[in-house]
Amino acid sequence: MTALTFAVAQTFSIAGDVPANIERHLAFMRVAAGHGVQLLVFPELSLTGYEPALAADLAVAPEDKLLAPLRDMARELRLTAVVGMPIRRSPEAGVLIGALVLGGDGSLAVYTKQHLHPGEDAVFTAGQGGALLEWGGDRIALAVCADFCHPSHPRQAAQAGANVYAAGVLISEGGYATDSALLQGYAAEHGMLVMMANHGGPSGGWACAGRSAIWGADGRVLAAVPGDGEALVIAHRTDGDWTAEALAL
């Protein structure tokens, strides 16, 4: 198997301040690239914070020039970054919770959250998901938060050939035990590496749990952030075996 280095970013988002959040994302990308990371996944709505009341005003088209610094950095570092942003494909269209895949080769792909939490439909429109990311002989499935609460979502990913399941989320202290158990269970059930990127501080009135983690294909926790704050969790595959480490930033 090809050697791989994938990571999740546990970040703190400033509510509605996209330029400041972009700068912090760029810093994370530089640090990750210094550790050889090839794919870096950020939390749900990482570029705006989880701020439904602001989402309609902040939503952009995936190709918007506002995101050019991130795309340029991804290309410069040869690092693919998955960033969270509310998106609107046209002025008349609904607002989607997007995970934008900024390719290290300059490409752009879009995943949109398929399953909304109760109440999110007052602001957001349910999305259509997105294609698996092809990485040599590996396939990575993306998820955004409530997507993984539906067992059919990871099951369909596994049936499509995914061996990595990467979720950008917002999980509160109260929901962490249940949600992390689900993700751990999917790793073991489907034999996938499961990666979870959570917010490292408050967002949208929620006290986020942090504790971003990566589970191996047998369900073992390979590495996890011990609490909130900013951090990277980096997984390395060498000779077919995955190992991981958590680094505070």
Protein backbone atom coordinates (compact mmCIF):
# COMPACT_ATOMS: atom_id res chain seq x y z
CA MET A 1 0.00 0.00 0.00
CA THR A 2 1.04 3.57 -0.68
CA ALA A 3 2.37 5.54 2.29
CA LEU A 4 -0.18 8.18 3.32
CA THR A 5 -0.42 11.01 5.84
CA PHE A 6 -3.90 12.35 6.55
CA ALA A 7 -4.99 14.71 9.33
CA VAL A 8 -7.90 16.48 10.99
CA ALA A 9 -7.72 20.05 12.24
CA GLN A 10 -9.36 21.07 15.51
CA THR A 11 -9.83 24.80 15.10
CA PHE A 12 -11.38 27.79 16.80
CA SER A 13 -13.64 29.80 14.47
CA ILE A 14 -14.39 33.49 14.97
CA ALA A 15 -18.12 33.99 14.38
CA GLY A 16 -18.71 35.39 10.91
CA ASP A 17 -15.14 36.63 10.40
CA VAL A 18 -14.22 34.75 7.24
CA PRO A 19 -10.95 36.65 6.51
CA ALA A 20 -9.63 35.95 10.03
CA ASN A 21 -10.68 32.32 9.82
CA ILE A 22 -8.99 31.97 6.44
CA GLU A 23 -5.74 33.23 7.95
CA ARG A 24 -5.98 30.61 10.70
CA HIS A 25 -6.72 27.90 8.14
CA LEU A 26 -3.64 28.94 6.17
CA ALA A 27 -1.54 28.62 9.33
CA PHE A 28 -2.91 25.13 9.97
CA MET A 29 -2.19 24.14 6.39
CA ARG A 30 1.42 25.26 6.68
CA VAL A 31 1.95 23.34 9.91
CA ALA A 32 0.27 20.26 8.47
CA ALA A 33 2.39 20.39 5.33
CA GLY A 34 5.48 20.57 7.53
CA HIS A 35 4.44 17.20 8.93
CA GLY A 36 3.96 15.72 5.48
CA VAL A 37 0.15 15.84 5.56
CA GLN A 38 -1.45 15.21 2.17
CA LEU A 39 -5.14 15.56 3.16
CA LEU A 40 -6.35 17.91 5.91
CA VAL A 41 -9.99 17.97 7.05
CA PHE A 42 -11.47 20.93 8.96
CA PRO A 43 -14.66 21.05 11.11
CA GLU A 44 -18.19 21.78 9.91
CA LEU A 45 -18.56 25.41 8.77
CA SER A 46 -15.00 26.07 9.88
CA LEU A 47 -14.63 29.28 7.86
CA THR A 48 -17.62 31.01 9.46
CA GLY A 49 -18.25 29.14 12.67
CA TYR A 50 -21.50 27.30 13.18
CA GLU A 51 -23.64 30.44 12.90
CA PRO A 52 -26.99 29.70 11.23
CA ALA A 53 -28.20 33.29 11.73
CA LEU A 54 -25.28 34.57 9.65
CA ALA A 55 -25.14 31.82 7.04
CA ALA A 56 -27.39 33.38 4.38
CA ASP A 57 -25.31 36.57 4.34
CA LEU A 58 -22.00 34.71 4.37
CA ALA A 59 -22.81 32.05 1.78
CA VAL A 60 -20.70 32.12 -1.39
CA ALA A 61 -20.40 30.15 -4.59
CA PRO A 62 -17.73 27.43 -4.32
CA GLU A 63 -15.59 29.24 -6.90
CA ASP A 64 -15.77 32.61 -5.11
CA LYS A 65 -12.53 34.61 -5.15
CA LEU A 66 -12.84 35.02 -1.36
CA LEU A 67 -11.46 31.49 -1.09
CA ALA A 68 -8.57 32.09 -3.51
CA PRO A 69 -5.91 32.32 -0.75
CA LEU A 70 -6.85 28.85 0.45
CA ARG A 71 -6.85 27.38 -3.04
CA ASP A 72 -3.50 29.02 -3.80
CA MET A 73 -1.98 27.69 -0.58
CA ALA A 74 -3.30 24.19 -1.23
CA ARG A 75 -1.68 24.23 -4.65
CA GLU A 76 1.58 25.69 -3.34
CA LEU A 77 1.86 23.10 -0.57
CA ARG A 78 0.49 20.23 -2.69
CA LEU A 79 -1.94 19.61 0.16
CA THR A 80 -5.65 18.93 -0.26
CA ALA A 81 -7.77 20.79 2.32
CA VAL A 82 -11.44 20.14 3.09
CA VAL A 83 -12.90 23.36 4.53
CA GLY A 84 -16.39 24.13 5.88
CA MET A 85 -18.40 26.98 4.35
CA PRO A 86 -22.05 27.87 3.70
CA ILE A 87 -22.49 27.85 -0.06
CA ARG A 88 -25.13 29.05 -2.50
CA ARG A 89 -24.79 28.02 -6.12
CA SER A 90 -26.93 30.93 -7.42
CA PRO A 91 -28.64 33.99 -5.88
CA GLU A 92 -31.99 32.20 -5.95
CA ALA A 93 -30.77 28.87 -4.58
CA GLY A 94 -30.94 27.70 -0.98
CA VAL A 95 -27.99 27.79 1.40
CA LEU A 96 -26.09 24.51 1.70
CA ILE A 97 -23.63 23.40 4.38
CA GLY A 98 -20.61 22.74 2.25
CA ALA A 99 -17.32 20.91 2.61
CA LEU A 100 -15.12 22.30 -0.15
CA VAL A 101 -12.30 20.06 -1.33
CA LEU A 102 -9.42 22.36 -2.33
CA GLY A 103 -7.09 20.08 -4.22
CA GLY A 104 -3.33 20.23 -4.05
CA ASP A 105 -3.47 19.99 -7.85
CA GLY A 106 -5.66 23.09 -8.12
CA SER A 107 -8.92 21.17 -8.45
CA LEU A 108 -12.14 22.01 -6.62
CA ALA A 109 -14.81 19.55 -5.51
CA VAL A 110 -17.88 20.09 -3.35
CA TYR A 111 -19.59 17.92 -0.78
CA THR A 112 -22.89 19.18 0.68
CA LYS A 113 -24.41 18.01 3.95
CA GLN A 114 -27.19 15.56 3.19
CA HIS A 115 -28.87 15.17 6.59
CA LEU A 116 -29.85 18.25 8.60
CA HIS A 117 -30.28 18.42 12.35
CA PRO A 118 -33.75 19.42 13.59
CA GLY A 119 -34.19 23.15 13.08
CA GLU A 120 -31.41 23.53 10.50
CA ASP A 121 -33.96 23.39 7.71
CA ALA A 122 -35.13 26.87 8.75
CA VAL A 123 -31.88 28.20 7.27
CA PHE A 124 -30.26 25.45 5.23
CA THR A 125 -31.28 23.21 2.35
CA ALA A 126 -30.35 19.52 2.45
CA GLY A 127 -27.51 18.74 0.08
CA GLN A 128 -26.63 15.87 -2.20
CA GLY A 129 -23.37 14.66 -0.69
CA GLY A 130 -20.52 14.26 -3.12
CA ALA A 131 -18.24 11.82 -4.88
CA LEU A 132 -15.62 9.78 -3.07
CA LEU A 133 -12.14 11.27 -3.19
CA GLU A 134 -9.83 9.04 -5.21
CA TRP A 135 -6.34 8.83 -3.75
CA GLY A 136 -4.33 6.30 -5.69
CA GLY A 137 -5.82 2.99 -4.67
CA ASP A 138 -7.66 4.54 -1.71
CA ARG A 139 -11.10 6.09 -1.54
CA ILE A 140 -12.13 8.70 1.01
CA ALA A 141 -15.77 9.40 1.85
CA LEU A 142 -16.70 12.76 3.35
CA ALA A 143 -19.42 13.47 5.91
CA VAL A 144 -20.65 16.61 7.65
CA CYS A 145 -21.91 16.18 11.20
CA ALA A 146 -25.51 14.83 11.17
CA ASP A 147 -24.71 12.75 8.09
CA PHE A 148 -22.94 10.19 10.25
CA CYS A 149 -25.94 9.91 12.60
CA HIS A 150 -27.62 7.93 9.82
CA PRO A 151 -26.01 4.44 9.62
CA SER A 152 -26.91 4.28 5.93
CA HIS A 153 -24.38 7.05 5.21
CA PRO A 154 -21.19 5.22 6.22
CA ARG A 155 -22.66 1.93 4.98
CA GLN A 156 -23.17 3.35 1.49
CA ALA A 157 -19.66 4.81 1.59
CA ALA A 158 -18.20 1.40 2.45
CA GLN A 159 -20.27 -0.29 -0.26
CA ALA A 160 -18.89 2.23 -2.76
CA GLY A 161 -15.37 1.17 -1.82
CA ALA A 162 -14.35 3.80 0.74
CA ASN A 163 -11.63 2.73 3.15
CA VAL A 164 -11.45 6.16 4.85
CA TYR A 165 -14.42 8.08 6.31
CA ALA A 166 -13.69 11.73 7.15
CA ALA A 167 -16.23 13.83 9.05
CA GLY A 168 -16.16 17.56 9.75
CA VAL A 169 -18.44 18.12 12.74
CA LEU A 170 -19.70 20.30 15.54
CA ILE A 171 -20.17 18.10 18.60
CA SER A 172 -21.01 19.53 22.00
CA GLU A 173 -19.93 18.18 25.36
CA GLY A 174 -23.38 16.67 25.85
CA GLY A 175 -23.34 14.79 22.56
CA TYR A 176 -19.75 13.63 22.46
CA ALA A 177 -20.09 10.23 24.14
CA THR A 178 -22.90 9.12 21.83
CA ASP A 179 -21.43 10.55 18.64
CA SER A 180 -17.89 9.29 19.18
CA ALA A 181 -19.26 5.82 19.93
CA LEU A 182 -21.09 5.86 16.59
CA LEU A 183 -17.95 6.81 14.69
CA GLN A 184 -15.86 4.23 16.51
CA GLY A 185 -18.47 1.61 15.73
CA TYR A 186 -18.46 2.45 12.03
CA ALA A 187 -14.69 2.03 11.91
CA ALA A 188 -14.96 -1.51 13.25
CA GLU A 189 -18.13 -2.46 11.37
CA HIS A 190 -16.93 -1.32 7.95
CA GLY A 191 -13.18 -1.73 8.33
CA MET A 192 -12.50 1.93 7.59
CA LEU A 193 -10.14 4.50 9.02
CA VAL A 194 -12.51 7.07 10.56
CA MET A 195 -11.40 10.69 11.04
CA MET A 196 -13.35 13.31 12.99
CA ALA A 197 -12.56 17.04 13.00
CA ASN A 198 -14.43 18.97 15.71
CA HIS A 199 -14.42 22.62 16.73
CA GLY A 200 -11.95 23.47 19.47
CA GLY A 201 -13.98 26.23 21.10
CA PRO A 202 -17.50 27.67 21.40
CA SER A 203 -19.45 28.18 18.20
CA GLY A 204 -23.03 29.23 17.57
CA GLY A 205 -23.81 29.13 21.27
CA TRP A 206 -22.58 25.55 21.62
CA ALA A 207 -19.83 24.51 24.03
CA CYS A 208 -17.91 22.31 21.62
CA ALA A 209 -16.18 19.26 23.03
CA GLY A 210 -13.05 19.29 20.88
CA ARG A 211 -11.54 15.82 21.30
CA SER A 212 -11.06 15.33 17.58
CA ALA A 213 -9.98 11.78 16.91
CA ILE A 214 -8.92 9.13 14.44
CA TRP A 215 -10.00 5.48 14.78
CA GLY A 216 -8.36 2.54 13.07
CA ALA A 217 -10.20 0.03 10.91
CA ASP A 218 -10.57 -2.26 13.94
CA GLY A 219 -12.25 0.49 15.98
CA ARG A 220 -9.24 1.30 18.15
CA VAL A 221 -8.58 4.95 18.96
CA LEU A 222 -5.31 5.70 17.21
CA ALA A 223 -5.06 9.23 18.60
CA ALA A 224 -7.34 11.91 20.02
CA VAL A 225 -7.06 15.44 21.33
CA PRO A 226 -7.62 15.30 25.11
CA GLY A 227 -10.00 18.28 25.20
CA ASP A 228 -10.74 21.59 23.50
CA GLY A 229 -8.25 24.10 22.06
CA GLU A 230 -6.52 24.01 18.70
CA ALA A 231 -4.73 20.87 17.55
CA LEU A 232 -3.93 18.50 14.72
CA VAL A 233 -4.49 14.76 14.73
CA ILE A 234 -2.21 13.18 12.14
CA ALA A 235 -2.44 9.62 10.85
CA HIS A 236 0.38 7.89 8.97
CA ARG A 237 0.11 4.70 6.95
CA THR A 238 3.33 2.82 6.42
CA ASP A 239 3.50 -0.77 5.14
CA GLY A 240 -0.27 -1.00 5.42
CA ASP A 241 -0.50 -0.09 9.11
CA TRP A 242 -1.95 3.16 10.44
CA THR A 243 -0.52 5.04 13.41
CA ALA A 244 -1.52 8.49 14.65
CA GLU A 245 -0.53 11.33 16.94
CA ALA A 246 -2.23 14.42 18.36
CA LEU A 247 -0.34 17.73 18.34
CA ALA A 248 -1.46 20.83 20.24
CA LEU A 249 -1.10 24.10 18.33
